[in-house]
């Protein structure tokens, strides 16, 4: 899965669980090493639209 690989390939990302059915990705990451903007950009580069979902 390209989205999972793209996210998990970023420094600071420990895990990415992606569900195309739910149109959702849950990412465990170190905010000191990667920003949410970088996560979104990685998905956008693949041709998908990404945004943050509430929940902290």
PDB file of N, CA and C in Angstrom:
ATOM      1  N   UNK A   1       0.845  -1.174   0.000  1.00  0.00           N
ATOM      2  CA  UNK A   1       0.000   0.000   0.000  1.00  0.00           C
ATOM      3  C   UNK A   1       0.894   1.242   0.000  1.00  0.00           C
ATOM      4  N   UNK A   2       0.764   2.053  -1.005  1.00  0.00           N
ATOM      5  CA  UNK A   2       1.649   3.199  -1.214  1.00  0.00           C
ATOM      6  C   UNK A   2       1.537   4.248  -0.112  1.00  0.00           C
ATOM      7  N   UNK A   3       0.334   4.501   0.367  1.00  0.00           N
ATOM      8  CA  UNK A   3       0.157   5.530   1.395  1.00  0.00           C
ATOM      9  C   UNK A   3       0.842   5.098   2.686  1.00  0.00           C
ATOM     10  N   UNK A   4       0.648   3.868   3.081  1.00  0.00           N
ATOM     11  CA  UNK A   4       1.286   3.342   4.288  1.00  0.00           C
ATOM     12  C   UNK A   4       2.801   3.427   4.170  1.00  0.00           C
ATOM     13  N   UNK A   5       3.351   3.005   3.025  1.00  0.00           N
ATOM     14  CA  UNK A   5       4.804   3.063   2.810  1.00  0.00           C
ATOM     15  C   UNK A   5       5.317   4.491   2.838  1.00  0.00           C
ATOM     16  N   UNK A   6       4.590   5.406   2.217  1.00  0.00           N
ATOM     17  CA  UNK A   6       5.010   6.807   2.188  1.00  0.00           C
ATOM     18  C   UNK A   6       5.055   7.395   3.596  1.00  0.00           C
ATOM     19  N   UNK A   7       4.033   7.120   4.379  1.00  0.00           N
ATOM     20  CA  UNK A   7       3.999   7.640   5.743  1.00  0.00           C
ATOM     21  C   UNK A   7       5.078   7.000   6.610  1.00  0.00           C
ATOM     22  N   UNK A   8       5.179   5.688   6.557  1.00  0.00           N
ATOM     23  CA  UNK A   8       6.156   4.996   7.401  1.00  0.00           C
ATOM     24  C   UNK A   8       7.586   5.254   6.949  1.00  0.00           C
ATOM     25  N   UNK A   9       7.763   5.788   5.748  1.00  0.00           N
ATOM     26  CA  UNK A   9       9.094   6.135   5.264  1.00  0.00           C
ATOM     27  C   UNK A   9       9.590   7.477   5.778  1.00  0.00           C
ATOM     28  N   UNK A  10       8.708   8.243   6.415  1.00  0.00           N
ATOM     29  CA  UNK A  10       9.118   9.535   6.954  1.00  0.00           C
ATOM     30  C   UNK A  10       9.826   9.351   8.288  1.00  0.00           C
ATOM     31  N   UNK A  11      10.888  10.130   8.518  1.00  0.00           N
ATOM     32  CA  UNK A  11      11.574  10.042   9.816  1.00  0.00           C
ATOM     33  C   UNK A  11      10.610  10.422  10.935  1.00  0.00           C
ATOM     34  N   UNK A  12      10.595   9.640  11.982  1.00  0.00           N
ATOM     35  CA  UNK A  12       9.738   9.935  13.121  1.00  0.00           C
ATOM     36  C   UNK A  12       8.407   9.216  13.117  1.00  0.00           C
ATOM     37  N   UNK A  13       8.056   8.577  12.008  1.00  0.00           N
ATOM     38  CA  UNK A  13       6.797   7.829  11.956  1.00  0.00           C
ATOM     39  C   UNK A  13       7.064   6.395  12.401  1.00  0.00           C
ATOM     40  N   UNK A  14       6.393   5.981  13.466  1.00  0.00           N
ATOM     41  CA  UNK A  14       6.548   4.617  13.963  1.00  0.00           C
ATOM     42  C   UNK A  14       5.571   3.660  13.299  1.00  0.00           C
ATOM     43  N   UNK A  15       4.357   4.153  13.009  1.00  0.00           N
ATOM     44  CA  UNK A  15       3.330   3.256  12.474  1.00  0.00           C
ATOM     45  C   UNK A  15       2.261   4.058  11.737  1.00  0.00           C
ATOM     46  N   UNK A  16       1.760   3.473  10.662  1.00  0.00           N
ATOM     47  CA  UNK A  16       0.641   4.074   9.931  1.00  0.00           C
ATOM     48  C   UNK A  16      -0.351   2.970   9.586  1.00  0.00           C
ATOM     49  N   UNK A  17      -1.571   3.133  10.021  1.00  0.00           N
ATOM     50  CA  UNK A  17      -2.653   2.206   9.687  1.00  0.00           C
ATOM     51  C   UNK A  17      -3.603   2.947   8.754  1.00  0.00           C
ATOM     52  N   UNK A  18      -3.749   2.441   7.537  1.00  0.00           N
ATOM     53  CA  UNK A  18      -4.512   3.133   6.505  1.00  0.00           C
ATOM     54  C   UNK A  18      -5.735   2.314   6.117  1.00  0.00           C
ATOM     55  N   UNK A  19      -6.887   2.980   6.066  1.00  0.00           N
ATOM     56  CA  UNK A  19      -8.123   2.342   5.629  1.00  0.00           C
ATOM     57  C   UNK A  19      -8.730   3.191   4.513  1.00  0.00           C
ATOM     58  N   UNK A  20      -8.683   2.670   3.291  1.00  0.00           N
ATOM     59  CA  UNK A  20      -9.303   3.387   2.178  1.00  0.00           C
ATOM     60  C   UNK A  20     -10.825   3.330   2.301  1.00  0.00           C
ATOM     61  N   UNK A  21     -11.334   2.257   2.849  1.00  0.00           N
ATOM     62  CA  UNK A  21     -12.783   2.128   3.040  1.00  0.00           C
ATOM     63  C   UNK A  21     -13.317   3.239   3.937  1.00  0.00           C
ATOM     64  N   UNK A  22     -12.592   3.491   5.033  1.00  0.00           N
ATOM     65  CA  UNK A  22     -13.006   4.527   5.983  1.00  0.00           C
ATOM     66  C   UNK A  22     -12.452   5.906   5.632  1.00  0.00           C
ATOM     67  N   UNK A  23     -11.606   5.957   4.599  1.00  0.00           N
ATOM     68  CA  UNK A  23     -10.946   7.209   4.189  1.00  0.00           C
ATOM     69  C   UNK A  23     -10.210   7.826   5.371  1.00  0.00           C
ATOM     70  N   UNK A  24      -9.361   6.975   6.004  1.00  0.00           N
ATOM     71  CA  UNK A  24      -8.707   7.395   7.238  1.00  0.00           C
ATOM     72  C   UNK A  24      -7.337   6.741   7.377  1.00  0.00           C
ATOM     73  N   UNK A  25      -6.418   7.481   7.965  1.00  0.00           N
ATOM     74  CA  UNK A  25      -5.118   6.932   8.338  1.00  0.00           C
ATOM     75  C   UNK A  25      -4.843   7.335   9.779  1.00  0.00           C
ATOM     76  N   UNK A  26      -4.426   6.371  10.564  1.00  0.00           N
ATOM     77  CA  UNK A  26      -4.028   6.643  11.953  1.00  0.00           C
ATOM     78  C   UNK A  26      -2.519   6.487  12.003  1.00  0.00           C
ATOM     79  N   UNK A  27      -1.851   7.553  12.429  1.00  0.00           N
ATOM     80  CA  UNK A  27      -0.391   7.583  12.376  1.00  0.00           C
ATOM     81  C   UNK A  27       0.178   7.830  13.763  1.00  0.00           C
ATOM     82  N   UNK A  28       1.107   6.979  14.159  1.00  0.00           N
ATOM     83  CA  UNK A  28       1.844   7.169  15.403  1.00  0.00           C
ATOM     84  C   UNK A  28       3.190   7.753  15.013  1.00  0.00           C
ATOM     85  N   UNK A  29       3.475   8.962  15.526  1.00  0.00           N
ATOM     86  CA  UNK A  29       4.701   9.634  15.106  1.00  0.00           C
ATOM     87  C   UNK A  29       5.257  10.509  16.219  1.00  0.00           C
ATOM     88  N   UNK A  30       6.512  10.880  16.054  1.00  0.00           N
ATOM     89  CA  UNK A  30       7.210  11.759  16.984  1.00  0.00           C
ATOM     90  C   UNK A  30       7.137  13.173  16.422  1.00  0.00           C
ATOM     91  N   UNK A  31       6.350  14.057  17.036  1.00  0.00           N
ATOM     92  CA  UNK A  31       6.187  15.414  16.495  1.00  0.00           C
ATOM     93  C   UNK A  31       7.471  16.246  16.534  1.00  0.00           C
ATOM     94  N   UNK A  32       8.473  15.783  17.254  1.00  0.00           N
ATOM     95  CA  UNK A  32       9.766  16.475  17.250  1.00  0.00           C
ATOM     96  C   UNK A  32      10.560  16.153  15.979  1.00  0.00           C
ATOM     97  N   UNK A  33      10.143  15.097  15.257  1.00  0.00           N
ATOM     98  CA  UNK A  33      10.884  14.675  14.063  1.00  0.00           C
ATOM     99  C   UNK A  33      10.128  14.883  12.765  1.00  0.00           C
ATOM    100  N   UNK A  34       8.800  14.918  12.835  1.00  0.00           N
ATOM    101  CA  UNK A  34       7.990  15.091  11.624  1.00  0.00           C
ATOM    102  C   UNK A  34       6.732  15.879  11.992  1.00  0.00           C
ATOM    103  N   UNK A  35       6.332  16.773  11.104  1.00  0.00           N
ATOM    104  CA  UNK A  35       5.150  17.594  11.378  1.00  0.00           C
ATOM    105  C   UNK A  35       3.919  17.003  10.700  1.00  0.00           C
ATOM    106  N   UNK A  36       2.765  17.429  11.156  1.00  0.00           N
ATOM    107  CA  UNK A  36       1.532  16.979  10.498  1.00  0.00           C
ATOM    108  C   UNK A  36       1.494  17.486   9.056  1.00  0.00           C
ATOM    109  N   UNK A  37       2.048  18.657   8.806  1.00  0.00           N
ATOM    110  CA  UNK A  37       2.109  19.159   7.427  1.00  0.00           C
ATOM    111  C   UNK A  37       2.922  18.230   6.532  1.00  0.00           C
ATOM    112  N   UNK A  38       4.002  17.673   7.054  1.00  0.00           N
ATOM    113  CA  UNK A  38       4.821  16.735   6.274  1.00  0.00           C
ATOM    114  C   UNK A  38       4.060  15.438   6.008  1.00  0.00           C
ATOM    115  N   UNK A  39       3.271  14.995   6.982  1.00  0.00           N
ATOM    116  CA  UNK A  39       2.451  13.802   6.781  1.00  0.00           C
ATOM    117  C   UNK A  39       1.441  14.042   5.664  1.00  0.00           C
ATOM    118  N   UNK A  40       0.781  15.186   5.717  1.00  0.00           N
ATOM    119  CA  UNK A  40      -0.216  15.540   4.693  1.00  0.00           C
ATOM    120  C   UNK A  40       0.437  15.662   3.325  1.00  0.00           C
ATOM    121  N   UNK A  41       1.590  16.299   3.256  1.00  0.00           N
ATOM    122  CA  UNK A  41       2.299  16.455   1.982  1.00  0.00           C
ATOM    123  C   UNK A  41       2.669  15.103   1.376  1.00  0.00           C
ATOM    124  N   UNK A  42       3.076  14.151   2.211  1.00  0.00           N
ATOM    125  CA  UNK A  42       3.441  12.818   1.710  1.00  0.00           C
ATOM    126  C   UNK A  42       2.247  12.146   1.042  1.00  0.00           C
ATOM    127  N   UNK A  43       1.066  12.320   1.607  1.00  0.00           N
ATOM    128  CA  UNK A  43      -0.147  11.740   1.027  1.00  0.00           C
ATOM    129  C   UNK A  43      -0.558  12.503  -0.228  1.00  0.00           C
ATOM    130  N   UNK A  44      -0.499  13.828  -0.156  1.00  0.00           N
ATOM    131  CA  UNK A  44      -0.864  14.657  -1.309  1.00  0.00           C
ATOM    132  C   UNK A  44       0.005  14.344  -2.525  1.00  0.00           C
ATOM    133  N   UNK A  45       1.286  14.070  -2.305  1.00  0.00           N
ATOM    134  CA  UNK A  45       2.201  13.751  -3.409  1.00  0.00           C
ATOM    135  C   UNK A  45       1.780  12.490  -4.165  1.00  0.00           C
ATOM    136  N   UNK A  46       1.031  11.642  -3.520  1.00  0.00           N
ATOM    137  CA  UNK A  46       0.549  10.408  -4.151  1.00  0.00           C
ATOM    138  C   UNK A  46      -0.759  10.630  -4.907  1.00  0.00           C
ATOM    139  N   UNK A  47      -1.281  11.850  -4.840  1.00  0.00           N
ATOM    140  CA  UNK A  47      -2.516  12.157  -5.554  1.00  0.00           C
ATOM    141  C   UNK A  47      -3.774  12.028  -4.730  1.00  0.00           C
ATOM    142  N   UNK A  48      -3.620  11.859  -3.437  1.00  0.00           N
ATOM    143  CA  UNK A  48      -4.764  11.789  -2.525  1.00  0.00           C
ATOM    144  C   UNK A  48      -4.885  13.090  -1.769  1.00  0.00           C
ATOM    145  N   UNK A  49      -6.065  13.384  -1.265  1.00  0.00           N
ATOM    146  CA  UNK A  49      -6.276  14.571  -0.439  1.00  0.00           C
ATOM    147  C   UNK A  49      -6.241  14.150   1.022  1.00  0.00           C
ATOM    148  N   UNK A  50      -5.547  14.933   1.817  1.00  0.00           N
ATOM    149  CA  UNK A  50      -5.442  14.617   3.244  1.00  0.00           C
ATOM    150  C   UNK A  50      -5.724  15.862   4.073  1.00  0.00           C
ATOM    151  N   UNK A  51      -6.302  15.626   5.233  1.00  0.00           N
ATOM    152  CA  UNK A  51      -6.517  16.697   6.212  1.00  0.00           C
ATOM    153  C   UNK A  51      -6.546  16.061   7.585  1.00  0.00           C
ATOM    154  N   UNK A  52      -6.386  16.887   8.595  1.00  0.00           N
ATOM    155  CA  UNK A  52      -6.411  16.385   9.970  1.00  0.00           C
ATOM    156  C   UNK A  52      -7.846  16.177  10.429  1.00  0.00           C
ATOM    157  N   UNK A  53      -8.013  15.139  11.195  1.00  0.00           N
ATOM    158  CA  UNK A  53      -9.302  14.852  11.804  1.00  0.00           C
ATOM    159  C   UNK A  53      -9.159  15.143  13.297  1.00  0.00           C
ATOM    160  N   UNK A  54     -10.166  15.671  13.920  1.00  0.00           N
ATOM    161  CA  UNK A  54     -10.108  15.978  15.337  1.00  0.00           C
ATOM    162  C   UNK A  54      -9.860  14.748  16.189  1.00  0.00           C
ATOM    163  N   UNK A  55      -9.467  14.948  17.409  1.00  0.00           N
ATOM    164  CA  UNK A  55      -9.287  13.835  18.301  1.00  0.00           C
ATOM    165  C   UNK A  55      -7.982  13.877  19.052  1.00  0.00           C
ATOM    166  N   UNK A  56      -7.119  14.860  18.722  1.00  0.00           N
ATOM    167  CA  UNK A  56      -5.879  15.061  19.464  1.00  0.00           C
ATOM    168  C   UNK A  56      -4.929  13.966  19.267  1.00  0.00           C
TER     169      UNK A  56
END
